[in-house]
C-alpha atoms as a PDB file:
ATOM      1  CA  MET A   1       0.195   0.394   0.073  1.00  0.00           C
ATOM      2  CA  SER A   2       1.590   3.399  -0.991  1.00  0.00           C
ATOM      3  CA  SER A   3       1.935   5.811   1.335  1.00  0.00           C
ATOM      4  CA  VAL A   4       1.149   9.898   1.234  1.00  0.00           C
ATOM      5  CA  ASP A   5       2.981  12.350   3.903  1.00  0.00           C
ATOM      6  CA  VAL A   6       0.529  15.531   4.145  1.00  0.00           C
ATOM      7  CA  VAL A   7       2.549  18.872   5.040  1.00  0.00           C
ATOM      8  CA  VAL A   8      -0.654  21.152   6.377  1.00  0.00           C
ATOM      9  CA  PRO A   9       0.903  24.596   6.977  1.00  0.00           C
ATOM     10  CA  CYS A  10      -1.836  27.273   9.167  1.00  0.00           C
ATOM     11  CA  TYR A  11      -1.259  30.703  10.224  1.00  0.00           C
ATOM     12  CA  ASN A  12      -4.272  31.561  12.006  1.00  0.00           C
ATOM     13  CA  TYR A  13      -6.913  29.168  10.020  1.00  0.00           C
ATOM     14  CA  GLY A  14      -7.964  27.464  13.372  1.00  0.00           C
ATOM     15  CA  ARG A  15     -11.409  27.312  12.478  1.00  0.00           C
ATOM     16  CA  TYR A  16     -10.657  25.400   9.373  1.00  0.00           C
ATOM     17  CA  LEU A  17      -8.134  22.953  10.615  1.00  0.00           C
ATOM     18  CA  ARG A  18     -10.095  20.003  11.816  1.00  0.00           C
ATOM     19  CA  GLU A  19     -12.315  19.678   8.432  1.00  0.00           C
ATOM     20  CA  CYS A  20      -8.872  19.887   6.591  1.00  0.00           C
ATOM     21  CA  VAL A  21      -6.837  17.402   8.566  1.00  0.00           C
ATOM     22  CA  GLU A  22     -10.130  15.212   8.716  1.00  0.00           C
ATOM     23  CA  SER A  23     -10.391  14.763   4.681  1.00  0.00           C
ATOM     24  CA  VAL A  24      -6.675  13.287   4.628  1.00  0.00           C
ATOM     25  CA  LEU A  25      -7.449  11.037   7.685  1.00  0.00           C
ATOM     26  CA  THR A  26     -10.763   9.623   5.826  1.00  0.00           C
ATOM     27  CA  GLN A  27      -8.614   8.949   2.564  1.00  0.00           C
ATOM     28  CA  GLU A  28      -8.874   5.040   1.495  1.00  0.00           C
ATOM     29  CA  GLY A  29      -6.459   2.898   0.283  1.00  0.00           C
ATOM     30  CA  VAL A  30      -3.279   4.597   1.347  1.00  0.00           C
ATOM     31  CA  ASP A  31      -1.113   4.916   4.365  1.00  0.00           C
ATOM     32  CA  VAL A  32      -1.412   8.525   5.354  1.00  0.00           C
ATOM     33  CA  ARG A  33       0.433  10.777   7.709  1.00  0.00           C
ATOM     34  CA  VAL A  34      -0.182  14.212   8.560  1.00  0.00           C
ATOM     35  CA  LEU A  35       2.177  17.584   9.864  1.00  0.00           C
ATOM     36  CA  ILE A  36       0.277  20.116  10.927  1.00  0.00           C
ATOM     37  CA  ILE A  37       2.879  23.406  11.380  1.00  0.00           C
ATOM     38  CA  ASP A  38       1.670  26.182  13.294  1.00  0.00           C
ATOM     39  CA  ASP A  39       3.302  29.332  11.911  1.00  0.00           C
ATOM     40  CA  CYS A  40       2.329  31.232  15.229  1.00  0.00           C
ATOM     41  CA  SER A  41      -1.054  31.427  14.978  1.00  0.00           C
ATOM     42  CA  PRO A  42      -2.784  34.270  17.103  1.00  0.00           C
ATOM     43  CA  ASP A  43      -5.824  32.202  16.998  1.00  0.00           C
ATOM     44  CA  ASN A  44      -7.260  28.858  18.794  1.00  0.00           C
ATOM     45  CA  THR A  45      -4.660  27.113  16.058  1.00  0.00           C
ATOM     46  CA  PRO A  46      -2.668  24.979  18.851  1.00  0.00           C
ATOM     47  CA  GLU A  47      -5.421  23.932  21.012  1.00  0.00           C
ATOM     48  CA  VAL A  48      -7.166  22.392  18.010  1.00  0.00           C
ATOM     49  CA  GLY A  49      -3.717  21.120  16.647  1.00  0.00           C
ATOM     50  CA  GLN A  50      -2.759  19.446  20.067  1.00  0.00           C
ATOM     51  CA  GLN A  51      -6.220  17.936  20.265  1.00  0.00           C
ATOM     52  CA  LEU A  52      -5.937  16.299  16.205  1.00  0.00           C
ATOM     53  CA  ALA A  53      -2.431  14.866  17.267  1.00  0.00           C
ATOM     54  CA  ALA A  54      -3.893  13.317  21.007  1.00  0.00           C
ATOM     55  CA  GLU A  55      -6.562  12.049  19.124  1.00  0.00           C
ATOM     56  CA  ASP A  56      -4.813  10.107  16.046  1.00  0.00           C
ATOM     57  CA  SER A  57      -1.202   8.513  16.281  1.00  0.00           C
ATOM     58  CA  ARG A  58      -1.318   9.926  12.396  1.00  0.00           C
ATOM     59  CA  VAL A  59      -1.013  13.293  12.905  1.00  0.00           C
ATOM     60  CA  GLU A  60       1.706  15.544  14.460  1.00  0.00           C
ATOM     61  CA  TYR A  61       1.290  18.912  15.490  1.00  0.00           C
ATOM     62  CA  ARG A  62       4.859  21.318  15.644  1.00  0.00           C
ATOM     63  CA  ARG A  63       4.541  25.124  16.327  1.00  0.00           C
ATOM     64  CA  HIS A  64       6.825  28.073  15.161  1.00  0.00           C
ATOM     65  CA  ALA A  65       8.226  30.350  17.945  1.00  0.00           C
ATOM     66  CA  THR A  66       8.341  33.219  15.985  1.00  0.00           C
ATOM     67  CA  ASN A  67       6.313  33.721  12.466  1.00  0.00           C
ATOM     68  CA  GLN A  68       8.783  31.950   9.704  1.00  0.00           C
ATOM     69  CA  GLY A  69       6.493  32.996   6.569  1.00  0.00           C
ATOM     70  CA  HIS A  70       4.760  30.695   4.327  1.00  0.00           C
ATOM     71  CA  ILE A  71       7.707  29.645   2.236  1.00  0.00           C
ATOM     72  CA  ALA A  72      10.041  28.452   4.981  1.00  0.00           C
ATOM     73  CA  THR A  73       7.112  26.510   6.520  1.00  0.00           C
ATOM     74  CA  TYR A  74       6.464  24.446   3.051  1.00  0.00           C
ATOM     75  CA  ASN A  75      10.023  23.487   2.707  1.00  0.00           C
ATOM     76  CA  GLU A  76      10.323  22.731   6.340  1.00  0.00           C
ATOM     77  CA  GLY A  77       7.325  19.695   5.881  1.00  0.00           C
ATOM     78  CA  LEU A  78       8.531  19.156   2.276  1.00  0.00           C
ATOM     79  CA  LEU A  79      12.028  18.724   2.668  1.00  0.00           C
ATOM     80  CA  GLU A  80      12.856  17.983   6.003  1.00  0.00           C
ATOM     81  CA  TRP A  81       9.771  15.945   7.336  1.00  0.00           C
ATOM     82  CA  ALA A  82       8.388  14.241   4.391  1.00  0.00           C
ATOM     83  CA  SER A  83       9.668  10.882   3.625  1.00  0.00           C
ATOM     84  CA  ALA A  84       6.451   8.956   2.075  1.00  0.00           C
ATOM     85  CA  ASP A  85       6.228   7.565  -1.237  1.00  0.00           C
ATOM     86  CA  TYR A  86       4.001  10.801  -2.340  1.00  0.00           C
ATOM     87  CA  CYS A  87       3.506  14.174  -0.621  1.00  0.00           C
ATOM     88  CA  LEU A  88       1.181  17.097  -0.272  1.00  0.00           C
ATOM     89  CA  LEU A  89       0.986  20.881   0.664  1.00  0.00           C
ATOM     90  CA  LEU A  90      -2.580  21.187   1.979  1.00  0.00           C
ATOM     91  CA  SER A  91      -3.660  24.781   3.223  1.00  0.00           C
ATOM     92  CA  ALA A  92      -5.318  24.349   6.057  1.00  0.00           C
ATOM     93  CA  ASP A  93      -8.349  26.106   5.052  1.00  0.00           C
ATOM     94  CA  ASP A  94      -8.739  23.576   1.755  1.00  0.00           C
ATOM     95  CA  LEU A  95      -9.853  20.145   1.904  1.00  0.00           C
ATOM     96  CA  LEU A  96      -9.772  16.820  -0.166  1.00  0.00           C
ATOM     97  CA  VAL A  97     -12.306  15.113  -1.647  1.00  0.00           C
ATOM     98  CA  PRO A  98     -12.875  11.573  -0.728  1.00  0.00           C
ATOM     99  CA  ARG A  99     -10.548   8.930  -2.590  1.00  0.00           C
ATOM    100  CA  ALA A 100      -8.979  11.938  -4.108  1.00  0.00           C
ATOM    101  CA  PHE A 101      -5.542  10.215  -3.097  1.00  0.00           C
ATOM    102  CA  GLU A 102      -6.969   6.533  -4.748  1.00  0.00           C
ATOM    103  CA  ARG A 103      -7.397   7.981  -7.969  1.00  0.00           C
ATOM    104  CA  ALA A 104      -3.976  10.204  -8.146  1.00  0.00           C
ATOM    105  CA  ILE A 105      -1.860   6.953  -6.258  1.00  0.00           C
ATOM    106  CA  ASP A 106      -3.551   4.692  -8.732  1.00  0.00           C
ATOM    107  CA  VAL A 107      -1.931   6.644 -11.840  1.00  0.00           C
ATOM    108  CA  LEU A 108       1.658   7.800  -9.900  1.00  0.00           C
ATOM    109  CA  ASP A 109       1.891   3.882  -9.076  1.00  0.00           C
ATOM    110  CA  SER A 110       1.494   2.795 -12.710  1.00  0.00           C
ATOM    111  CA  ASN A 111       4.663   5.079 -14.164  1.00  0.00           C
ATOM    112  CA  ASP A 112       7.682   5.652 -12.041  1.00  0.00           C
ATOM    113  CA  THR A 113       8.603   8.726 -14.364  1.00  0.00           C
ATOM    114  CA  ILE A 114       5.422  10.441 -13.313  1.00  0.00           C
ATOM    115  CA  ALA A 115       6.382  13.579 -10.940  1.00  0.00           C
ATOM    116  CA  PHE A 116       3.156  14.316  -9.773  1.00  0.00           C
ATOM    117  CA  ALA A 117      -0.831  14.165 -10.368  1.00  0.00           C
ATOM    118  CA  HIS A 118      -3.221  16.933 -10.441  1.00  0.00           C
ATOM    119  CA  GLY A 119      -6.985  17.605 -11.210  1.00  0.00           C
ATOM    120  CA  ARG A 120      -9.419  19.819 -10.345  1.00  0.00           C
ATOM    121  CA  ALA A 121     -10.617  21.793  -6.965  1.00  0.00           C
ATOM    122  CA  ILE A 122     -14.294  23.031  -6.583  1.00  0.00           C
ATOM    123  CA  ARG A 123     -14.934  26.290  -4.896  1.00  0.00           C
ATOM    124  CA  ILE A 124     -16.241  26.551  -1.773  1.00  0.00           C
ATOM    125  CA  GLY A 125     -17.067  29.388   0.632  1.00  0.00           C
ATOM    126  CA  PRO A 126     -16.540  29.783   4.412  1.00  0.00           C
ATOM    127  CA  GLU A 127     -19.333  27.952   5.581  1.00  0.00           C
ATOM    128  CA  GLY A 128     -17.605  24.866   3.912  1.00  0.00           C
ATOM    129  CA  VAL A 129     -19.425  22.290   1.834  1.00  0.00           C
ATOM    130  CA  THR A 130     -22.764  22.769   1.500  1.00  0.00           C
ATOM    131  CA  ALA A 131     -25.215  20.585  -0.058  1.00  0.00           C
ATOM    132  CA  GLU A 132     -25.381  21.828  -3.503  1.00  0.00           C
ATOM    133  CA  LYS A 133     -21.185  21.439  -3.267  1.00  0.00           C
ATOM    134  CA  GLN A 134     -21.385  17.760  -2.449  1.00  0.00           C
ATOM    135  CA  LEU A 135     -19.479  15.725  -5.078  1.00  0.00           C
ATOM    136  CA  ARG A 136     -20.895  12.564  -6.603  1.00  0.00           C
ATOM    137  CA  GLN A 137     -18.188  11.264  -7.947  1.00  0.00           C
ATOM    138  CA  ASP A 138     -16.127   7.751  -7.966  1.00  0.00           C
ATOM    139  CA  THR A 139     -14.105   8.036 -10.981  1.00  0.00           C
ATOM    140  CA  GLY A 140     -12.029   9.976 -12.947  1.00  0.00           C
ATOM    141  CA  SER A 141     -10.133   9.272 -16.484  1.00  0.00           C
ATOM    142  CA  SER A 142      -6.377  10.336 -16.317  1.00  0.00           C
ATOM    143  CA  TYR A 143      -4.101  10.722 -18.931  1.00  0.00           C
ATOM    144  CA  VAL A 144      -0.257  11.592 -18.998  1.00  0.00           C
ATOM    145  CA  VAL A 145       1.120  14.759 -20.128  1.00  0.00           C
ATOM    146  CA  SER A 146       5.344  14.921 -20.687  1.00  0.00           C
ATOM    147  CA  GLY A 147       7.458  17.753 -18.657  1.00  0.00           C
ATOM    148  CA  ASN A 148       8.178  19.228 -22.120  1.00  0.00           C
ATOM    149  CA  ALA A 149       4.772  20.211 -22.968  1.00  0.00           C
ATOM    150  CA  THR A 150       3.234  21.139 -19.255  1.00  0.00           C
ATOM    151  CA  ILE A 151       6.169  23.810 -19.602  1.00  0.00           C
ATOM    152  CA  GLU A 152       5.070  24.923 -22.779  1.00  0.00           C
ATOM    153  CA  LYS A 153       1.336  24.950 -21.849  1.00  0.00           C
ATOM    154  CA  PHE A 154       2.416  27.460 -18.969  1.00  0.00           C
ATOM    155  CA  CYS A 155       4.173  29.506 -21.490  1.00  0.00           C
ATOM    156  CA  LYS A 156       1.145  29.678 -23.812  1.00  0.00           C
ATOM    157  CA  VAL A 157      -1.419  30.378 -20.820  1.00  0.00           C
ATOM    158  CA  GLY A 158       1.141  32.803 -18.646  1.00  0.00           C
ATOM    159  CA  GLY A 159      -0.181  31.575 -15.651  1.00  0.00           C
ATOM    160  CA  ASN A 160      -0.529  28.851 -12.988  1.00  0.00           C
ATOM    161  CA  LEU A 161      -2.013  25.951 -14.283  1.00  0.00           C
ATOM    162  CA  VAL A 162      -2.287  23.092 -11.478  1.00  0.00           C
ATOM    163  CA  GLU A 163      -4.976  23.574  -8.169  1.00  0.00           C
ATOM    164  CA  THR A 164      -2.322  23.642  -5.166  1.00  0.00           C
ATOM    165  CA  PRO A 165      -4.597  21.150  -2.816  1.00  0.00           C
ATOM    166  CA  THR A 166      -5.009  18.762  -6.109  1.00  0.00           C
ATOM    167  CA  ALA A 167      -1.212  18.659  -6.616  1.00  0.00           C
ATOM    168  CA  ILE A 168       0.405  15.099  -5.274  1.00  0.00           C
ATOM    169  CA  VAL A 169       3.952  14.499  -5.679  1.00  0.00           C
ATOM    170  CA  ARG A 170       6.812  11.821  -5.380  1.00  0.00           C
ATOM    171  CA  THR A 171       8.842  12.934  -2.721  1.00  0.00           C
ATOM    172  CA  SER A 172      11.642  11.527  -4.237  1.00  0.00           C
ATOM    173  CA  THR A 173      11.476  13.763  -7.107  1.00  0.00           C
ATOM    174  CA  GLN A 174      10.177  16.565  -4.014  1.00  0.00           C
ATOM    175  CA  HIS A 175      13.178  16.238  -2.618  1.00  0.00           C
ATOM    176  CA  ARG A 176      15.684  16.426  -6.119  1.00  0.00           C
ATOM    177  CA  VAL A 177      14.626  19.617  -6.776  1.00  0.00           C
ATOM    178  CA  GLY A 178      14.332  21.238  -3.753  1.00  0.00           C
ATOM    179  CA  GLY A 179      11.654  23.805  -2.211  1.00  0.00           C
ATOM    180  CA  TYR A 180      10.029  26.847  -3.129  1.00  0.00           C
ATOM    181  CA  ARG A 181      12.007  29.835  -3.755  1.00  0.00           C
ATOM    182  CA  GLY A 182      11.488  32.733  -1.444  1.00  0.00           C
ATOM    183  CA  ASP A 183      11.983  35.290  -3.957  1.00  0.00           C
ATOM    184  CA  LEU A 184       8.820  34.555  -5.719  1.00  0.00           C
ATOM    185  CA  PRO A 185       5.443  34.370  -2.716  1.00  0.00           C
ATOM    186  CA  HIS A 186       3.038  34.785  -5.258  1.00  0.00           C
ATOM    187  CA  THR A 187       3.980  32.392  -7.741  1.00  0.00           C
ATOM    188  CA  GLY A 188       5.777  29.910  -5.709  1.00  0.00           C
ATOM    189  CA  ASP A 189       3.582  27.158  -6.657  1.00  0.00           C
ATOM    190  CA  MET A 190       3.341  27.937 -10.409  1.00  0.00           C
ATOM    191  CA  GLU A 191       7.128  28.036 -10.843  1.00  0.00           C
ATOM    192  CA  MET A 192       7.225  24.796  -8.427  1.00  0.00           C
ATOM    193  CA  TRP A 193       4.936  22.734 -11.062  1.00  0.00           C
ATOM    194  CA  MET A 194       7.094  23.619 -13.871  1.00  0.00           C
ATOM    195  CA  ARG A 195      10.714  23.037 -12.051  1.00  0.00           C
ATOM    196  CA  LEU A 196       9.182  19.304 -11.054  1.00  0.00           C
ATOM    197  CA  ALA A 197       7.775  18.920 -14.836  1.00  0.00           C
ATOM    198  CA  LEU A 198      11.559  19.073 -15.973  1.00  0.00           C
ATOM    199  CA  TYR A 199      11.978  16.277 -14.023  1.00  0.00           C
ATOM    200  CA  GLY A 200       9.008  14.060 -15.032  1.00  0.00           C
ATOM    201  CA  SER A 201       5.627  14.166 -16.939  1.00  0.00           C
ATOM    202  CA  VAL A 202       2.379  15.003 -15.315  1.00  0.00           C
ATOM    203  CA  ALA A 203      -0.060  13.286 -14.795  1.00  0.00           C
ATOM    204  CA  TYR A 204      -3.465  14.906 -14.962  1.00  0.00           C
ATOM    205  CA  VAL A 205      -7.130  13.325 -12.944  1.00  0.00           C
ATOM    206  CA  ASP A 206     -10.208  14.649 -14.816  1.00  0.00           C
ATOM    207  CA  CYS A 207     -12.220  15.019 -12.030  1.00  0.00           C
ATOM    208  CA  PHE A 208     -12.694  17.417  -8.768  1.00  0.00           C
ATOM    209  CA  GLN A 209      -9.979  16.208  -5.979  1.00  0.00           C
ATOM    210  CA  ALA A 210     -10.136  18.648  -3.773  1.00  0.00           C
ATOM    211  CA  TYR A 211     -11.999  22.002  -2.064  1.00  0.00           C
ATOM    212  CA  TYR A 212     -10.628  25.186  -2.608  1.00  0.00           C
ATOM    213  CA  ARG A 213     -12.235  27.791  -0.018  1.00  0.00           C
ATOM    214  CA  ARG A 214     -12.393  31.444  -0.367  1.00  0.00           C
ATOM    215  CA  HIS A 215     -12.882  33.538   2.419  1.00  0.00           C
ATOM    216  CA  PRO A 216     -11.753  37.036   3.475  1.00  0.00           C
ATOM    217  CA  GLY A 217      -8.825  35.640   5.489  1.00  0.00           C
ATOM    218  CA  ASN A 218      -7.604  33.920   2.286  1.00  0.00           C
ATOM    219  CA  MET A 219      -3.249  34.390   1.906  1.00  0.00           C
ATOM    220  CA  SER A 220      -4.242  35.256  -1.046  1.00  0.00           C
ATOM    221  CA  ASN A 221      -5.305  38.234   0.237  1.00  0.00           C
ATOM    222  CA  ASP A 222      -2.397  39.572   2.003  1.00  0.00           C
ATOM    223  CA  PHE A 223      -0.927  40.170  -1.542  1.00  0.00           C
ATOM    224  CA  PRO A 224      -0.752  43.507  -3.371  1.00  0.00           C
ATOM    225  CA  ASP A 225      -3.608  43.692  -5.486  1.00  0.00           C
ATOM    226  CA  CYS A 226      -2.083  44.945  -8.192  1.00  0.00           C
ATOM    227  CA  ARG A 227      -2.916  43.488 -11.539  1.00  0.00           C
ATOM    228  CA  ILE A 228       0.883  44.091 -13.157  1.00  0.00           C
ATOM    229  CA  ALA A 229       2.411  42.898  -9.669  1.00  0.00           C
ATOM    230  CA  ASP A 230       0.730  39.401 -10.537  1.00  0.00           C
ATOM    231  CA  LEU A 231       1.909  39.345 -14.410  1.00  0.00           C
ATOM    232  CA  LEU A 232       5.151  40.277 -13.444  1.00  0.00           C
ATOM    233  CA  GLN A 233       5.582  37.347 -10.941  1.00  0.00           C
ATOM    234  CA  ARG A 234       4.221  34.767 -13.497  1.00  0.00           C
ATOM    235  CA  GLN A 235       7.129  36.407 -15.545  1.00  0.00           C
ATOM    236  CA  LEU A 236       9.594  35.826 -13.225  1.00  0.00           C
ATOM    237  CA  ALA A 237       8.317  32.380 -12.043  1.00  0.00           C
ATOM    238  CA  ILE A 238       8.512  31.414 -16.132  1.00  0.00           C
ATOM    239  CA  GLU A 239      12.047  32.771 -16.680  1.00  0.00           C
ATOM    240  CA  ALA A 240      13.446  31.246 -13.871  1.00  0.00           C
ATOM    241  CA  ILE A 241      12.381  28.162 -15.211  1.00  0.00           C
ATOM    242  CA  LEU A 242      13.891  28.859 -18.788  1.00  0.00           C
ATOM    243  CA  ALA A 243      16.865  29.817 -17.069  1.00  0.00           C
ATOM    244  CA  ILE A 244      17.578  26.139 -15.759  1.00  0.00           C
ATOM    245  CA  ALA A 245      15.646  24.209 -18.623  1.00  0.00           C
ATOM    246  CA  PRO A 246      17.841  21.634 -20.521  1.00  0.00           C
ATOM    247  CA  TYR A 247      16.649  23.045 -23.659  1.00  0.00           C
ATOM    248  CA  ALA A 248      18.581  24.482 -27.007  1.00  0.00           C
ATOM    249  CA  GLN A 249      18.605  28.409 -27.063  1.00  0.00           C
ATOM    250  CA  GLN A 250      16.153  28.754 -29.729  1.00  0.00           C
ATOM    251  CA  GLU A 251      13.780  26.516 -28.443  1.00  0.00           C
ATOM    252  CA  ILE A 252      14.275  29.143 -24.489  1.00  0.00           C
ATOM    253  CA  GLN A 253      13.393  31.739 -26.867  1.00  0.00           C
ATOM    254  CA  ARG A 254      10.531  30.446 -28.650  1.00  0.00           C
ATOM    255  CA  LEU A 255       9.126  29.570 -25.272  1.00  0.00           C
ATOM    256  CA  HIS A 256       9.955  32.883 -23.884  1.00  0.00           C
ATOM    257  CA  SER A 257       8.484  34.688 -26.703  1.00  0.00           C
ATOM    258  CA  ILE A 258       4.828  32.385 -26.275  1.00  0.00           C
ATOM    259  CA  ALA A 259       4.653  33.320 -22.357  1.00  0.00           C
ATOM    260  CA  LEU A 260       5.565  37.165 -23.132  1.00  0.00           C
ATOM    261  CA  ALA A 261       3.142  37.757 -25.528  1.00  0.00           C
ATOM    262  CA  SER A 262       0.587  35.702 -22.838  1.00  0.00           C
ATOM    263  CA  ILE A 263       1.315  37.822 -20.237  1.00  0.00           C
ATOM    264  CA  ALA A 264       0.856  40.860 -22.535  1.00  0.00           C
ATOM    265  CA  ARG A 265      -2.595  39.904 -23.526  1.00  0.00           C
ATOM    266  CA  GLY A 266      -3.051  39.448 -19.679  1.00  0.00           C
ATOM    267  CA  ALA A 267      -2.422  42.949 -19.182  1.00  0.00           C
ATOM    268  CA  GLN A 268      -4.138  44.167 -22.001  1.00  0.00           C
ATOM    269  CA  ALA A 269      -7.153  42.307 -20.269  1.00  0.00           C
ATOM    270  CA  GLY A 270      -6.545  44.485 -17.538  1.00  0.00           C
ATOM    271  CA  ALA A 271      -6.478  47.538 -18.792  1.00  0.00           C
ATOM    272  CA  TYR A 272      -9.974  46.584 -20.714  1.00  0.00           C
ATOM    273  CA  LYS A 273     -11.151  46.310 -17.380  1.00  0.00           C
ATOM    274  CA  ALA A 274      -9.941  49.316 -15.728  1.00  0.00           C
ATOM    275  CA  PHE A 275     -11.444  51.371 -18.189  1.00  0.00           C
ATOM    276  CA  GLU A 276     -14.704  49.750 -18.081  1.00  0.00           C
ATOM    277  CA  GLN A 277     -14.092  50.328 -14.191  1.00  0.00           C
ATOM    278  CA  GLY A 278     -12.994  54.013 -14.918  1.00  0.00           C
ATOM    279  CA  ASP A 279      -9.667  53.651 -13.887  1.00  0.00           C
ATOM    280  CA  THR A 280      -7.996  55.284 -16.729  1.00  0.00           C
ATOM    281  CA  VAL A 281      -4.723  55.285 -14.451  1.00  0.00           C
ATOM    282  CA  ALA A 282      -4.631  51.807 -13.882  1.00  0.00           C
ATOM    283  CA  CYS A 283      -5.656  51.245 -17.556  1.00  0.00           C
ATOM    284  CA  ARG A 284      -2.875  53.467 -18.794  1.00  0.00           C
ATOM    285  CA  GLU A 285      -0.350  51.461 -16.556  1.00  0.00           C
ATOM    286  CA  CYS A 286      -1.929  47.943 -17.970  1.00  0.00           C
ATOM    287  CA  GLN A 287      -0.805  49.491 -21.505  1.00  0.00           C
ATOM    288  CA  LEU A 288       2.506  50.457 -20.744  1.00  0.00           C
ATOM    289  CA  PHE A 289       3.837  47.017 -19.093  1.00  0.00           C
ATOM    290  CA  ALA A 290       1.875  45.067 -22.391  1.00  0.00           C
ATOM    291  CA  ARG A 291       3.612  46.979 -24.480  1.00  0.00           C
ATOM    292  CA  ARG A 292       7.044  46.779 -22.704  1.00  0.00           C
ATOM    293  CA  THR A 293       6.889  43.185 -22.107  1.00  0.00           C
ATOM    294  CA  TYR A 294       5.992  42.107 -25.971  1.00  0.00           C
ATOM    295  CA  PRO A 295       6.366  45.626 -28.076  1.00  0.00           C
ATOM    296  CA  ALA A 296       4.713  43.293 -30.982  1.00  0.00           C
ATOM    297  CA  ILE A 297       1.366  43.755 -29.483  1.00  0.00           C
ATOM    298  CA  VAL A 298       0.751  47.157 -30.542  1.00  0.00           C
ATOM    299  CA  ARG A 299      -0.127  45.495 -34.128  1.00  0.00           C
ATOM    300  CA  SER A 300      -2.923  44.033 -32.875  1.00  0.00           C
ATOM    301  CA  ASN A 301      -6.579  44.922 -33.005  1.00  0.00           C
ATOM    302  CA  GLU A 302      -7.233  44.919 -29.325  1.00  0.00           C
ATOM    303  CA  TRP A 303      -4.404  47.249 -28.838  1.00  0.00           C
ATOM    304  CA  ARG A 304      -6.067  49.949 -31.338  1.00  0.00           C
ATOM    305  CA  LYS A 305      -8.902  49.223 -29.761  1.00  0.00           C
ATOM    306  CA  MET A 306      -7.890  50.016 -26.536  1.00  0.00           C
ATOM    307  CA  GLU A 307      -6.348  52.862 -27.764  1.00  0.00           C
ATOM    308  CA  CYS A 308      -8.896  54.155 -29.293  1.00  0.00           C
ATOM    309  CA  LYS A 309     -10.509  54.199 -26.539  1.00  0.00           C
ATOM    310  CA  ARG A 310      -8.485  55.571 -24.152  1.00  0.00           C
ATOM    311  CA  PHE A 311      -8.030  58.538 -26.772  1.00  0.00           C
ATOM    312  CA  PHE A 312     -11.697  59.378 -26.425  1.00  0.00           C
ATOM    313  CA  GLY A 313     -11.909  58.111 -22.290  1.00  0.00           C
ATOM    314  CA  PRO A 314     -14.773  56.085 -20.655  1.00  0.00           C
ATOM    315  CA  ARG A 315     -17.510  59.170 -20.655  1.00  0.00           C
ATOM    316  CA  ALA A 316     -16.978  60.058 -24.088  1.00  0.00           C
ATOM    317  CA  TRP A 317     -16.567  56.345 -25.441  1.00  0.00           C
ATOM    318  CA  GLY A 318     -19.660  55.314 -23.315  1.00  0.00           C
ATOM    319  CA  ALA A 319     -21.804  57.732 -25.062  1.00  0.00           C
ATOM    320  CA  ILE A 320     -20.091  56.392 -28.763  1.00  0.00           C
ATOM    321  CA  ARG A 321     -21.448  53.092 -28.018  1.00  0.00           C
ATOM    322  CA  LYS A 322     -24.700  54.139 -26.763  1.00  0.00           C
ATOM    323  CA  MET A 323     -24.694  55.931 -30.483  1.00  0.00           C
ATOM    324  CA  MET A 324     -23.526  52.953 -32.441  1.00  0.00           C
ATOM    325  CA  ALA A 325     -25.751  50.203 -30.443  1.00  0.00           C
ATOM    326  CA  PRO A 326     -28.558  51.017 -33.434  1.00  0.00           C
ATOM    327  CA  LEU A 327     -26.024  50.392 -36.324  1.00  0.00           C
ATOM    328  CA  ARG A 328     -24.570  47.125 -34.536  1.00  0.00           C
ATOM    329  CA  TRP A 329     -28.001  45.378 -34.133  1.00  0.00           C
ATOM    330  CA  GLN A 330     -28.588  46.385 -37.520  1.00  0.00           C
ATOM    331  CA  LYS A 331     -25.546  44.841 -38.767  1.00  0.00           C
ATOM    332  CA  LYS A 332     -26.662  41.917 -37.051  1.00  0.00           C
ATOM    333  CA  VAL A 333     -29.521  41.300 -38.381  1.00  0.00           C
ATOM    334  CA  HIS A 334     -28.387  41.900 -42.077  1.00  0.00           C
ATOM    335  CA  GLN A 335     -25.897  39.138 -41.179  1.00  0.00           C
ATOM    336  CA  LEU A 336     -28.698  36.721 -40.022  1.00  0.00           C
ATOM    337  CA  SER A 337     -30.451  37.471 -42.834  1.00  0.00           C
ATOM    338  CA  ARG A 338     -28.177  36.556 -45.468  1.00  0.00           C
ATOM    339  CA  GLY A 339     -27.064  33.213 -43.575  1.00  0.00           C
ATOM    340  CA  MET A 340     -30.851  32.107 -43.573  1.00  0.00           C
END
């Protein structure tokens, strides 16, 4: 029977901790251990963590004397403690779907070149798994993608493709690639999945494997709410991987160009959103970032349209759209009539 070590970093999530840990302990078909690392939480995490450890010998609880931050906490558990066949980093506010380990490990056990397996996550609110969020799935098809193809897909998307609470990693591979990077606090997980893909193939389990909880206390809310800062972190994560990838220089340049184009399009989308919200300053910043990142974007129709909008401004553009609405409707009717 395969084994899984689950690292549960917890900072101020004591109210969610029991539900998270119990979703691990009730997994079938595998041997599991859980390490709760309390990063000096000011809430009731110590009481909950100690009680869980007292109730089940598979659970270990440890508490930092001072807050060390999420990156150091992740690496402590994954690199210093985890020793099972597989490991999972599971935030204390998330939880697993029943039989998630069984489905992922079926494919992992079948091919020792697979670095990690991941699936889909369903969003829940602070209240937890409500009746309408209950999943009734027993099986999910899976397929394996090469590491090179996985990295190229990351570049094409220009962002993260992996739901972290679903990612079950081969522990030997995790130890081989090392820990999370402290200089990428916002996209460390994205960089990690690509780094693992340099050392093996990637399995995708096509079903829900975990619940991702959205709530006001999400750690991601602590990062600056800035579209450009997020896009820049994605760029840095991709460039960090391409800097160590064993590819020919021509291939690195190709993937870099693909990634920059995707990130620039993300900035362009941010410009559209800012314009619609009347934030012309943010709109201009996104446009400038897009042009700096991928100069060729200025030849796109999206760029020209956005520049036209910026020239008129939100108020005037709104009036123009209102005036043009009847003409657009007539054009649509004409096109439909010609197609009949």
